[in-house]
Amino acid sequence: MKQHIVRIALGLLVVLVFVGHAAKFYQVGFITQLDNIIYDYRLQLTMPATVDDRIVILDVDERSLDPRALGRWPWGRDKIVALMQKLFDKYGVVLIGLDVVFAEPDESSGLPVLE
């Protein structure tokens, strides 16, 4: 009977360690490493072997941000719209995703003229 209680207590302790780690109450280094190894292996099994050439990432680099080229960042909405129209019309882009925060009011749209 004592052996059963010890086994149940040990099993419960293991479950609590994993549940506490999963709930982010605390971090156990061994479990984190094991999770990372399993995640890497799962990606290797499920990732395609070739690159999908339909997907293109357009990166705005330091040269693009040169004030003499297109002006200071953030660019006006008119410049971003012109870039998007060129991507859609000339290059046949189907979908665009922007990772940009438009935190400042737009002064290039002509909205004040319409008001």
PDB file of N, CA and C in Angstrom:
ATOM      1  N   MET A   1       0.817  -1.196   0.000  1.00  0.00           N
ATOM      2  CA  MET A   1       0.000   0.000   0.000  1.00  0.00           C
ATOM      3  C   MET A   1       0.861   1.260   0.000  1.00  0.00           C
ATOM      4  N   LYS A   2       1.962   1.215   0.763  1.00  0.00           N
ATOM      5  CA  LYS A   2       2.844   2.368   0.842  1.00  0.00           C
ATOM      6  C   LYS A   2       3.493   2.639  -0.520  1.00  0.00           C
ATOM      7  N   GLN A   3       3.808   1.553  -1.257  1.00  0.00           N
ATOM      8  CA  GLN A   3       4.412   1.727  -2.578  1.00  0.00           C
ATOM      9  C   GLN A   3       3.444   2.430  -3.526  1.00  0.00           C
ATOM     10  N   HIS A   4       2.184   2.109  -3.444  1.00  0.00           N
ATOM     11  CA  HIS A   4       1.191   2.739  -4.310  1.00  0.00           C
ATOM     12  C   HIS A   4       1.075   4.228  -4.008  1.00  0.00           C
ATOM     13  N   ILE A   5       1.104   4.582  -2.755  1.00  0.00           N
ATOM     14  CA  ILE A   5       1.018   5.995  -2.374  1.00  0.00           C
ATOM     15  C   ILE A   5       2.239   6.747  -2.880  1.00  0.00           C
ATOM     16  N   VAL A   6       3.418   6.134  -2.773  1.00  0.00           N
ATOM     17  CA  VAL A   6       4.649   6.766  -3.259  1.00  0.00           C
ATOM     18  C   VAL A   6       4.576   6.941  -4.770  1.00  0.00           C
ATOM     19  N   ARG A   7       4.119   5.925  -5.498  1.00  0.00           N
ATOM     20  CA  ARG A   7       4.006   6.018  -6.958  1.00  0.00           C
ATOM     21  C   ARG A   7       2.994   7.090  -7.365  1.00  0.00           C
ATOM     22  N   ILE A   8       1.867   7.121  -6.688  1.00  0.00           N
ATOM     23  CA  ILE A   8       0.850   8.129  -7.001  1.00  0.00           C
ATOM     24  C   ILE A   8       1.382   9.526  -6.700  1.00  0.00           C
ATOM     25  N   ALA A   9       2.049   9.698  -5.580  1.00  0.00           N
ATOM     26  CA  ALA A   9       2.603  11.005  -5.210  1.00  0.00           C
ATOM     27  C   ALA A   9       3.669  11.435  -6.206  1.00  0.00           C
ATOM     28  N   LEU A  10       4.528  10.507  -6.612  1.00  0.00           N
ATOM     29  CA  LEU A  10       5.578  10.823  -7.586  1.00  0.00           C
ATOM     30  C   LEU A  10       4.957  11.191  -8.932  1.00  0.00           C
ATOM     31  N   GLY A  11       3.964  10.436  -9.365  1.00  0.00           N
ATOM     32  CA  GLY A  11       3.271  10.750 -10.622  1.00  0.00           C
ATOM     33  C   GLY A  11       2.591  12.101 -10.570  1.00  0.00           C
ATOM     34  N   LEU A  12       1.952  12.389  -9.447  1.00  0.00           N
ATOM     35  CA  LEU A  12       1.288  13.673  -9.273  1.00  0.00           C
ATOM     36  C   LEU A  12       2.300  14.818  -9.278  1.00  0.00           C
ATOM     37  N   LEU A  13       3.450  14.601  -8.670  1.00  0.00           N
ATOM     38  CA  LEU A  13       4.507  15.617  -8.656  1.00  0.00           C
ATOM     39  C   LEU A  13       5.001  15.908 -10.071  1.00  0.00           C
ATOM     40  N   VAL A  14       5.218  14.854 -10.851  1.00  0.00           N
ATOM     41  CA  VAL A  14       5.669  15.037 -12.240  1.00  0.00           C
ATOM     42  C   VAL A  14       4.619  15.809 -13.038  1.00  0.00           C
ATOM     43  N   VAL A  15       3.364  15.444 -12.877  1.00  0.00           N
ATOM     44  CA  VAL A  15       2.284  16.139 -13.586  1.00  0.00           C
ATOM     45  C   VAL A  15       2.233  17.604 -13.169  1.00  0.00           C
ATOM     46  N   LEU A  16       2.356  17.887 -11.885  1.00  0.00           N
ATOM     47  CA  LEU A  16       2.325  19.273 -11.409  1.00  0.00           C
ATOM     48  C   LEU A  16       3.502  20.084 -11.948  1.00  0.00           C
ATOM     49  N   VAL A  17       4.674  19.455 -12.051  1.00  0.00           N
ATOM     50  CA  VAL A  17       5.840  20.151 -12.611  1.00  0.00           C
ATOM     51  C   VAL A  17       5.564  20.543 -14.059  1.00  0.00           C
ATOM     52  N   PHE A  18       5.047  19.596 -14.855  1.00  0.00           N
ATOM     53  CA  PHE A  18       4.770  19.892 -16.259  1.00  0.00           C
ATOM     54  C   PHE A  18       3.630  20.907 -16.413  1.00  0.00           C
ATOM     55  N   VAL A  19       2.591  20.778 -15.626  1.00  0.00           N
ATOM     56  CA  VAL A  19       1.461  21.714 -15.708  1.00  0.00           C
ATOM     57  C   VAL A  19       1.894  23.113 -15.268  1.00  0.00           C
ATOM     58  N   GLY A  20       2.663  23.212 -14.201  1.00  0.00           N
ATOM     59  CA  GLY A  20       3.155  24.513 -13.748  1.00  0.00           C
ATOM     60  C   GLY A  20       4.053  25.170 -14.771  1.00  0.00           C
ATOM     61  N   HIS A  21       4.868  24.350 -15.433  1.00  0.00           N
ATOM     62  CA  HIS A  21       5.738  24.878 -16.484  1.00  0.00           C
ATOM     63  C   HIS A  21       4.897  25.347 -17.675  1.00  0.00           C
ATOM     64  N   ALA A  22       3.920  24.538 -18.074  1.00  0.00           N
ATOM     65  CA  ALA A  22       3.071  24.892 -19.212  1.00  0.00           C
ATOM     66  C   ALA A  22       2.238  26.134 -18.920  1.00  0.00           C
ATOM     67  N   ALA A  23       1.817  26.300 -17.676  1.00  0.00           N
ATOM     68  CA  ALA A  23       1.019  27.469 -17.287  1.00  0.00           C
ATOM     69  C   ALA A  23       1.895  28.689 -17.020  1.00  0.00           C
ATOM     70  N   LYS A  24       3.196  28.526 -17.159  1.00  0.00           N
ATOM     71  CA  LYS A  24       4.177  29.606 -16.974  1.00  0.00           C
ATOM     72  C   LYS A  24       4.216  30.133 -15.545  1.00  0.00           C
ATOM     73  N   PHE A  25       3.878  29.268 -14.580  1.00  0.00           N
ATOM     74  CA  PHE A  25       4.054  29.650 -13.179  1.00  0.00           C
ATOM     75  C   PHE A  25       5.537  29.695 -12.837  1.00  0.00           C
ATOM     76  N   TYR A  26       6.300  28.853 -13.481  1.00  0.00           N
ATOM     77  CA  TYR A  26       7.752  28.795 -13.321  1.00  0.00           C
ATOM     78  C   TYR A  26       8.316  28.117 -14.559  1.00  0.00           C
ATOM     79  N   GLN A  27       9.615  28.266 -14.760  1.00  0.00           N
ATOM     80  CA  GLN A  27      10.282  27.678 -15.917  1.00  0.00           C
ATOM     81  C   GLN A  27      11.292  26.642 -15.448  1.00  0.00           C
ATOM     82  N   VAL A  28      11.204  25.473 -16.027  1.00  0.00           N
ATOM     83  CA  VAL A  28      12.156  24.403 -15.743  1.00  0.00           C
ATOM     84  C   VAL A  28      13.040  24.277 -16.975  1.00  0.00           C
ATOM     85  N   GLY A  29      14.343  24.502 -16.815  1.00  0.00           N
ATOM     86  CA  GLY A  29      15.268  24.521 -17.942  1.00  0.00           C
ATOM     87  C   GLY A  29      15.234  23.259 -18.778  1.00  0.00           C
ATOM     88  N   PHE A  30      15.182  22.121 -18.133  1.00  0.00           N
ATOM     89  CA  PHE A  30      15.170  20.847 -18.848  1.00  0.00           C
ATOM     90  C   PHE A  30      13.933  20.736 -19.742  1.00  0.00           C
ATOM     91  N   ILE A  31      12.793  21.136 -19.226  1.00  0.00           N
ATOM     92  CA  ILE A  31      11.558  21.048 -20.011  1.00  0.00           C
ATOM     93  C   ILE A  31      11.602  22.038 -21.176  1.00  0.00           C
ATOM     94  N   THR A  32      12.146  23.219 -20.949  1.00  0.00           N
ATOM     95  CA  THR A  32      12.267  24.208 -22.018  1.00  0.00           C
ATOM     96  C   THR A  32      13.166  23.688 -23.128  1.00  0.00           C
ATOM     97  N   GLN A  33      14.317  23.101 -22.766  1.00  0.00           N
ATOM     98  CA  GLN A  33      15.218  22.541 -23.772  1.00  0.00           C
ATOM     99  C   GLN A  33      14.561  21.397 -24.527  1.00  0.00           C
ATOM    100  N   LEU A  34      13.867  20.543 -23.818  1.00  0.00           N
ATOM    101  CA  LEU A  34      13.171  19.428 -24.451  1.00  0.00           C
ATOM    102  C   LEU A  34      12.094  19.945 -25.404  1.00  0.00           C
ATOM    103  N   ASP A  35      11.368  20.952 -24.994  1.00  0.00           N
ATOM    104  CA  ASP A  35      10.342  21.547 -25.846  1.00  0.00           C
ATOM    105  C   ASP A  35      10.960  22.155 -27.101  1.00  0.00           C
ATOM    106  N   ASN A  36      12.099  22.840 -26.968  1.00  0.00           N
ATOM    107  CA  ASN A  36      12.780  23.427 -28.122  1.00  0.00           C
ATOM    108  C   ASN A  36      13.262  22.355 -29.093  1.00  0.00           C
ATOM    109  N   ILE A  37      13.803  21.266 -28.573  1.00  0.00           N
ATOM    110  CA  ILE A  37      14.279  20.171 -29.428  1.00  0.00           C
ATOM    111  C   ILE A  37      13.111  19.546 -30.181  1.00  0.00           C
ATOM    112  N   ILE A  38      12.008  19.310 -29.497  1.00  0.00           N
ATOM    113  CA  ILE A  38      10.828  18.725 -30.147  1.00  0.00           C
ATOM    114  C   ILE A  38      10.266  19.682 -31.195  1.00  0.00           C
ATOM    115  N   TYR A  39      10.247  20.971 -30.888  1.00  0.00           N
ATOM    116  CA  TYR A  39       9.743  21.969 -31.835  1.00  0.00           C
ATOM    117  C   TYR A  39      10.605  21.995 -33.095  1.00  0.00           C
ATOM    118  N   ASP A  40      11.942  22.004 -32.935  1.00  0.00           N
ATOM    119  CA  ASP A  40      12.845  21.994 -34.085  1.00  0.00           C
ATOM    120  C   ASP A  40      12.639  20.750 -34.941  1.00  0.00           C
ATOM    121  N   TYR A  41      12.498  19.610 -34.307  1.00  0.00           N
ATOM    122  CA  TYR A  41      12.305  18.362 -35.033  1.00  0.00           C
ATOM    123  C   TYR A  41      10.972  18.378 -35.782  1.00  0.00           C
ATOM    124  N   ARG A  42       9.941  18.901 -35.140  1.00  0.00           N
ATOM    125  CA  ARG A  42       8.630  18.985 -35.788  1.00  0.00           C
ATOM    126  C   ARG A  42       8.680  19.910 -37.001  1.00  0.00           C
ATOM    127  N   LEU A  43       9.419  21.016 -36.911  1.00  0.00           N
ATOM    128  CA  LEU A  43       9.564  21.908 -38.058  1.00  0.00           C
ATOM    129  C   LEU A  43      10.308  21.228 -39.195  1.00  0.00           C
ATOM    130  N   GLN A  44      11.363  20.487 -38.880  1.00  0.00           N
ATOM    131  CA  GLN A  44      12.109  19.779 -39.915  1.00  0.00           C
ATOM    132  C   GLN A  44      11.233  18.768 -40.640  1.00  0.00           C
ATOM    133  N   LEU A  45      10.322  18.147 -39.932  1.00  0.00           N
ATOM    134  CA  LEU A  45       9.441  17.157 -40.551  1.00  0.00           C
ATOM    135  C   LEU A  45       8.352  17.795 -41.407  1.00  0.00           C
ATOM    136  N   THR A  46       7.877  18.964 -41.017  1.00  0.00           N
ATOM    137  CA  THR A  46       6.717  19.550 -41.691  1.00  0.00           C
ATOM    138  C   THR A  46       7.048  20.662 -42.677  1.00  0.00           C
ATOM    139  N   MET A  47       8.238  21.238 -42.624  1.00  0.00           N
ATOM    140  CA  MET A  47       8.582  22.334 -43.530  1.00  0.00           C
ATOM    141  C   MET A  47       8.827  21.793 -44.934  1.00  0.00           C
ATOM    142  N   PRO A  48       8.402  22.529 -45.958  1.00  0.00           N
ATOM    143  CA  PRO A  48       8.685  22.088 -47.327  1.00  0.00           C
ATOM    144  C   PRO A  48      10.181  22.175 -47.612  1.00  0.00           C
ATOM    145  N   ALA A  49      10.646  21.320 -48.515  1.00  0.00           N
ATOM    146  CA  ALA A  49      12.078  21.260 -48.817  1.00  0.00           C
ATOM    147  C   ALA A  49      12.524  22.419 -49.699  1.00  0.00           C
ATOM    148  N   THR A  50      11.595  23.015 -50.444  1.00  0.00           N
ATOM    149  CA  THR A  50      11.959  24.100 -51.345  1.00  0.00           C
ATOM    150  C   THR A  50      11.300  25.396 -50.886  1.00  0.00           C
ATOM    151  N   VAL A  51      11.829  26.485 -51.393  1.00  0.00           N
ATOM    152  CA  VAL A  51      11.306  27.811 -51.068  1.00  0.00           C
ATOM    153  C   VAL A  51      10.201  28.150 -52.064  1.00  0.00           C
ATOM    154  N   ASP A  52       9.118  28.712 -51.574  1.00  0.00           N
ATOM    155  CA  ASP A  52       8.021  29.127 -52.441  1.00  0.00           C
ATOM    156  C   ASP A  52       8.389  30.467 -53.060  1.00  0.00           C
ATOM    157  N   ASP A  53       8.663  30.478 -54.378  1.00  0.00           N
ATOM    158  CA  ASP A  53       9.121  31.710 -55.018  1.00  0.00           C
ATOM    159  C   ASP A  53       7.982  32.699 -55.265  1.00  0.00           C
ATOM    160  N   ARG A  54       6.764  32.341 -54.899  1.00  0.00           N
ATOM    161  CA  ARG A  54       5.654  33.289 -54.996  1.00  0.00           C
ATOM    162  C   ARG A  54       5.670  34.285 -53.843  1.00  0.00           C
ATOM    163  N   ILE A  55       6.404  33.972 -52.797  1.00  0.00           N
ATOM    164  CA  ILE A  55       6.455  34.838 -51.617  1.00  0.00           C
ATOM    165  C   ILE A  55       7.727  35.680 -51.675  1.00  0.00           C
ATOM    166  N   VAL A  56       7.549  36.981 -51.599  1.00  0.00           N
ATOM    167  CA  VAL A  56       8.675  37.914 -51.654  1.00  0.00           C
ATOM    168  C   VAL A  56       8.546  38.872 -50.482  1.00  0.00           C
ATOM    169  N   ILE A  57       9.644  39.122 -49.816  1.00  0.00           N
ATOM    170  CA  ILE A  57       9.654  40.094 -48.720  1.00  0.00           C
ATOM    171  C   ILE A  57      10.351  41.351 -49.217  1.00  0.00           C
ATOM    172  N   LEU A  58       9.638  42.450 -49.179  1.00  0.00           N
ATOM    173  CA  LEU A  58      10.179  43.739 -49.577  1.00  0.00           C
ATOM    174  C   LEU A  58      10.606  44.458 -48.308  1.00  0.00           C
ATOM    175  N   ASP A  59      11.901  44.646 -48.162  1.00  0.00           N
ATOM    176  CA  ASP A  59      12.439  45.231 -46.938  1.00  0.00           C
ATOM    177  C   ASP A  59      12.847  46.671 -47.196  1.00  0.00           C
ATOM    178  N   VAL A  60      12.419  47.567 -46.352  1.00  0.00           N
ATOM    179  CA  VAL A  60      12.836  48.963 -46.435  1.00  0.00           C
ATOM    180  C   VAL A  60      14.133  49.082 -45.654  1.00  0.00           C
ATOM    181  N   ASP A  61      15.232  49.336 -46.374  1.00  0.00           N
ATOM    182  CA  ASP A  61      16.547  49.372 -45.741  1.00  0.00           C
ATOM    183  C   ASP A  61      16.990  50.814 -45.489  1.00  0.00           C
ATOM    184  N   GLU A  62      18.205  50.960 -44.983  1.00  0.00           N
ATOM    185  CA  GLU A  62      18.733  52.287 -44.635  1.00  0.00           C
ATOM    186  C   GLU A  62      18.838  53.193 -45.858  1.00  0.00           C
ATOM    187  N   ARG A  63      19.210  52.625 -47.012  1.00  0.00           N
ATOM    188  CA  ARG A  63      19.344  53.436 -48.221  1.00  0.00           C
ATOM    189  C   ARG A  63      17.989  54.012 -48.634  1.00  0.00           C
ATOM    190  N   SER A  64      16.932  53.236 -48.437  1.00  0.00           N
ATOM    191  CA  SER A  64      15.582  53.715 -48.759  1.00  0.00           C
ATOM    192  C   SER A  64      15.158  54.839 -47.829  1.00  0.00           C
ATOM    193  N   LEU A  65      15.691  54.834 -46.628  1.00  0.00           N
ATOM    194  CA  LEU A  65      15.321  55.840 -45.636  1.00  0.00           C
ATOM    195  C   LEU A  65      16.172  57.103 -45.728  1.00  0.00           C
ATOM    196  N   ASP A  66      17.055  57.175 -46.727  1.00  0.00           N
ATOM    197  CA  ASP A  66      17.879  58.359 -46.917  1.00  0.00           C
ATOM    198  C   ASP A  66      16.956  59.552 -47.199  1.00  0.00           C
ATOM    199  N   PRO A  67      17.046  60.606 -46.397  1.00  0.00           N
ATOM    200  CA  PRO A  67      16.136  61.754 -46.571  1.00  0.00           C
ATOM    201  C   PRO A  67      16.207  62.378 -47.959  1.00  0.00           C
ATOM    202  N   ARG A  68      17.344  62.234 -48.653  1.00  0.00           N
ATOM    203  CA  ARG A  68      17.465  62.819 -49.988  1.00  0.00           C
ATOM    204  C   ARG A  68      16.723  61.999 -51.032  1.00  0.00           C
ATOM    205  N   ALA A  69      16.477  60.719 -50.758  1.00  0.00           N
ATOM    206  CA  ALA A  69      15.826  59.852 -51.743  1.00  0.00           C
ATOM    207  C   ALA A  69      14.304  60.019 -51.719  1.00  0.00           C
ATOM    208  N   LEU A  70      13.683  59.613 -50.665  1.00  0.00           N
ATOM    209  CA  LEU A  70      12.217  59.642 -50.582  1.00  0.00           C
ATOM    210  C   LEU A  70      11.706  60.489 -49.428  1.00  0.00           C
ATOM    211  N   GLY A  71      12.583  61.148 -48.742  1.00  0.00           N
ATOM    212  CA  GLY A  71      12.149  61.947 -47.604  1.00  0.00           C
ATOM    213  C   GLY A  71      12.268  61.164 -46.311  1.00  0.00           C
ATOM    214  N   ARG A  72      11.990  61.848 -45.223  1.00  0.00           N
ATOM    215  CA  ARG A  72      12.177  61.218 -43.914  1.00  0.00           C
ATOM    216  C   ARG A  72      11.110  60.165 -43.656  1.00  0.00           C
ATOM    217  N   TRP A  73      11.437  59.265 -42.770  1.00  0.00           N
ATOM    218  CA  TRP A  73      10.485  58.238 -42.342  1.00  0.00           C
ATOM    219  C   TRP A  73       9.676  58.787 -41.187  1.00  0.00           C
ATOM    220  N   PRO A  74       8.445  58.577 -41.027  1.00  0.00           N
ATOM    221  CA  PRO A  74       7.605  57.734 -41.874  1.00  0.00           C
ATOM    222  C   PRO A  74       7.230  58.454 -43.161  1.00  0.00           C
ATOM    223  N   TRP A  75       7.213  57.696 -44.247  1.00  0.00           N
ATOM    224  CA  TRP A  75       6.809  58.253 -45.528  1.00  0.00           C
ATOM    225  C   TRP A  75       5.348  58.646 -45.468  1.00  0.00           C
ATOM    226  N   GLY A  76       4.997  59.613 -46.297  1.00  0.00           N
ATOM    227  CA  GLY A  76       3.600  60.017 -46.393  1.00  0.00           C
ATOM    228  C   GLY A  76       2.762  58.895 -46.992  1.00  0.00           C
ATOM    229  N   ARG A  77       1.472  58.956 -46.730  1.00  0.00           N
ATOM    230  CA  ARG A  77       0.583  57.905 -47.255  1.00  0.00           C
ATOM    231  C   ARG A  77       0.608  57.889 -48.782  1.00  0.00           C
ATOM    232  N   ASP A  78       0.826  59.064 -49.404  1.00  0.00           N
ATOM    233  CA  ASP A  78       0.852  59.114 -50.863  1.00  0.00           C
ATOM    234  C   ASP A  78       2.005  58.288 -51.428  1.00  0.00           C
ATOM    235  N   LYS A  79       3.166  58.304 -50.773  1.00  0.00           N
ATOM    236  CA  LYS A  79       4.306  57.504 -51.246  1.00  0.00           C
ATOM    237  C   LYS A  79       4.051  56.015 -51.037  1.00  0.00           C
ATOM    238  N   ILE A  80       3.434  55.679 -49.926  1.00  0.00           N
ATOM    239  CA  ILE A  80       3.138  54.270 -49.664  1.00  0.00           C
ATOM    240  C   ILE A  80       2.084  53.769 -50.644  1.00  0.00           C
ATOM    241  N   VAL A  81       1.086  54.602 -50.946  1.00  0.00           N
ATOM    242  CA  VAL A  81       0.063  54.217 -51.929  1.00  0.00           C
ATOM    243  C   VAL A  81       0.690  54.048 -53.304  1.00  0.00           C
ATOM    244  N   ALA A  82       1.597  54.950 -53.689  1.00  0.00           N
ATOM    245  CA  ALA A  82       2.264  54.831 -54.989  1.00  0.00           C
ATOM    246  C   ALA A  82       3.066  53.532 -55.064  1.00  0.00           C
ATOM    247  N   LEU A  83       3.751  53.193 -53.988  1.00  0.00           N
ATOM    248  CA  LEU A  83       4.503  51.939 -53.944  1.00  0.00           C
ATOM    249  C   LEU A  83       3.562  50.747 -54.078  1.00  0.00           C
ATOM    250  N   MET A  84       2.444  50.776 -53.374  1.00  0.00           N
ATOM    251  CA  MET A  84       1.486  49.666 -53.440  1.00  0.00           C
ATOM    252  C   MET A  84       0.861  49.552 -54.826  1.00  0.00           C
ATOM    253  N   GLN A  85       0.517  50.682 -55.438  1.00  0.00           N
ATOM    254  CA  GLN A  85      -0.060  50.631 -56.781  1.00  0.00           C
ATOM    255  C   GLN A  85       0.927  50.041 -57.778  1.00  0.00           C
ATOM    256  N   LYS A  86       2.191  50.405 -57.637  1.00  0.00           N
ATOM    257  CA  LYS A  86       3.212  49.850 -58.531  1.00  0.00           C
ATOM    258  C   LYS A  86       3.348  48.344 -58.317  1.00  0.00           C
ATOM    259  N   LEU A  87       3.315  47.915 -57.060  1.00  0.00           N
ATOM    260  CA  LEU A  87       3.408  46.484 -56.781  1.00  0.00           C
ATOM    261  C   LEU A  87       2.220  45.731 -57.372  1.00  0.00           C
ATOM    262  N   PHE A  88       1.016  46.280 -57.239  1.00  0.00           N
ATOM    263  CA  PHE A  88      -0.177  45.617 -57.772  1.00  0.00           C
ATOM    264  C   PHE A  88      -0.208  45.652 -59.297  1.00  0.00           C
ATOM    265  N   ASP A  89       0.015  46.836 -59.883  1.00  0.00           N
ATOM    266  CA  ASP A  89      -0.161  47.005 -61.324  1.00  0.00           C
ATOM    267  C   ASP A  89       1.001  46.444 -62.140  1.00  0.00           C
ATOM    268  N   LYS A  90       2.229  46.773 -61.755  1.00  0.00           N
ATOM    269  CA  LYS A  90       3.390  46.384 -62.560  1.00  0.00           C
ATOM    270  C   LYS A  90       3.856  44.964 -62.262  1.00  0.00           C
ATOM    271  N   TYR A  91       3.820  44.566 -60.997  1.00  0.00           N
ATOM    272  CA  TYR A  91       4.388  43.277 -60.609  1.00  0.00           C
ATOM    273  C   TYR A  91       3.334  42.205 -60.343  1.00  0.00           C
ATOM    274  N   GLY A  92       2.063  42.552 -60.408  1.00  0.00           N
ATOM    275  CA  GLY A  92       1.006  41.565 -60.252  1.00  0.00           C
ATOM    276  C   GLY A  92       0.888  40.974 -58.859  1.00  0.00           C
ATOM    277  N   VAL A  93       1.207  41.769 -57.871  1.00  0.00           N
ATOM    278  CA  VAL A  93       1.114  41.302 -56.487  1.00  0.00           C
ATOM    279  C   VAL A  93      -0.351  41.047 -56.147  1.00  0.00           C
ATOM    280  N   VAL A  94      -0.607  39.977 -55.417  1.00  0.00           N
ATOM    281  CA  VAL A  94      -1.967  39.615 -55.038  1.00  0.00           C
ATOM    282  C   VAL A  94      -2.285  40.064 -53.617  1.00  0.00           C
ATOM    283  N   LEU A  95      -1.301  40.024 -52.744  1.00  0.00           N
ATOM    284  CA  LEU A  95      -1.533  40.323 -51.335  1.00  0.00           C
ATOM    285  C   LEU A  95      -0.341  41.079 -50.771  1.00  0.00           C
ATOM    286  N   ILE A  96      -0.618  42.079 -49.955  1.00  0.00           N
ATOM    287  CA  ILE A  96       0.440  42.848 -49.293  1.00  0.00           C
ATOM    288  C   ILE A  96       0.140  42.867 -47.801  1.00  0.00           C
ATOM    289  N   GLY A  97       1.154  42.600 -47.013  1.00  0.00           N
ATOM    290  CA  GLY A  97       1.051  42.727 -45.566  1.00  0.00           C
ATOM    291  C   GLY A  97       2.039  43.776 -45.103  1.00  0.00           C
ATOM    292  N   LEU A  98       1.591  44.710 -44.306  1.00  0.00           N
ATOM    293  CA  LEU A  98       2.457  45.785 -43.814  1.00  0.00           C
ATOM    294  C   LEU A  98       2.695  45.614 -42.322  1.00  0.00           C
ATOM    295  N   ASP A  99       3.944  45.732 -41.936  1.00  0.00           N
ATOM    296  CA  ASP A  99       4.309  45.711 -40.524  1.00  0.00           C
ATOM    297  C   ASP A  99       4.786  47.115 -40.167  1.00  0.00           C
ATOM    298  N   VAL A 100       3.859  48.057 -40.193  1.00  0.00           N
ATOM    299  CA  VAL A 100       4.171  49.472 -40.005  1.00  0.00           C
ATOM    300  C   VAL A 100       3.142  50.066 -39.048  1.00  0.00           C
ATOM    301  N   VAL A 101       3.590  50.925 -38.178  1.00  0.00           N
ATOM    302  CA  VAL A 101       2.681  51.658 -37.302  1.00  0.00           C
ATOM    303  C   VAL A 101       2.514  53.059 -37.886  1.00  0.00           C
ATOM    304  N   PHE A 102       1.304  53.396 -38.254  1.00  0.00           N
ATOM    305  CA  PHE A 102       1.003  54.733 -38.759  1.00  0.00           C
ATOM    306  C   PHE A 102       0.526  55.575 -37.577  1.00  0.00           C
ATOM    307  N   ALA A 103       1.476  56.026 -36.778  1.00  0.00           N
ATOM    308  CA  ALA A 103       1.140  56.698 -35.528  1.00  0.00           C
ATOM    309  C   ALA A 103       0.865  58.186 -35.704  1.00  0.00           C
ATOM    310  N   GLU A 104       1.394  58.762 -36.782  1.00  0.00           N
ATOM    311  CA  GLU A 104       1.241  60.201 -36.968  1.00  0.00           C
ATOM    312  C   GLU A 104       0.118  60.484 -37.957  1.00  0.00           C
ATOM    313  N   PRO A 105      -0.536  61.629 -37.816  1.00  0.00           N
ATOM    314  CA  PRO A 105      -1.610  61.954 -38.761  1.00  0.00           C
ATOM    315  C   PRO A 105      -1.064  62.135 -40.174  1.00  0.00           C
ATOM    316  N   ASP A 106      -1.893  61.807 -41.149  1.00  0.00           N
ATOM    317  CA  ASP A 106      -1.489  61.912 -42.547  1.00  0.00           C
ATOM    318  C   ASP A 106      -1.706  63.336 -43.036  1.00  0.00           C
ATOM    319  N   GLU A 107      -0.654  63.917 -43.599  1.00  0.00           N
ATOM    320  CA  GLU A 107      -0.754  65.277 -44.115  1.00  0.00           C
ATOM    321  C   GLU A 107      -0.617  65.299 -45.626  1.00  0.00           C
ATOM    322  N   SER A 108      -0.503  64.110 -46.250  1.00  0.00           N
ATOM    323  CA  SER A 108      -0.254  64.067 -47.682  1.00  0.00           C
ATOM    324  C   SER A 108      -1.464  63.609 -48.483  1.00  0.00           C
ATOM    325  N   SER A 109      -2.568  63.306 -47.847  1.00  0.00           N
ATOM    326  CA  SER A 109      -3.685  62.691 -48.560  1.00  0.00           C
ATOM    327  C   SER A 109      -4.605  63.693 -49.245  1.00  0.00           C
ATOM    328  N   GLY A 110      -4.506  64.943 -48.926  1.00  0.00           N
ATOM    329  CA  GLY A 110      -5.423  65.916 -49.495  1.00  0.00           C
ATOM    330  C   GLY A 110      -6.736  65.997 -48.748  1.00  0.00           C
ATOM    331  N   LEU A 111      -6.840  65.314 -47.640  1.00  0.00           N
ATOM    332  CA  LEU A 111      -8.067  65.325 -46.842  1.00  0.00           C
ATOM    333  C   LEU A 111      -8.418  66.731 -46.343  1.00  0.00           C
ATOM    334  N   PRO A 112      -7.427  67.534 -45.907  1.00  0.00           N
ATOM    335  CA  PRO A 112      -7.788  68.897 -45.466  1.00  0.00           C
ATOM    336  C   PRO A 112      -8.434  69.724 -46.579  1.00  0.00           C
ATOM    337  N   VAL A 113      -8.056  69.493 -47.837  1.00  0.00           N
ATOM    338  CA  VAL A 113      -8.640  70.236 -48.951  1.00  0.00           C
ATOM    339  C   VAL A 113     -10.106  69.869 -49.109  1.00  0.00           C
ATOM    340  N   LEU A 114     -10.417  68.589 -48.920  1.00  0.00           N
ATOM    341  CA  LEU A 114     -11.798  68.132 -49.065  1.00  0.00           C
ATOM    342  C   LEU A 114     -12.688  68.620 -47.932  1.00  0.00           C
ATOM    343  N   GLU A 115     -12.103  68.844 -46.777  1.00  0.00           N
ATOM    344  CA  GLU A 115     -12.899  69.307 -45.640  1.00  0.00           C
ATOM    345  C   GLU A 115     -13.153  70.767 -45.805  1.00  0.00           C
TER     346      GLU A 115
END
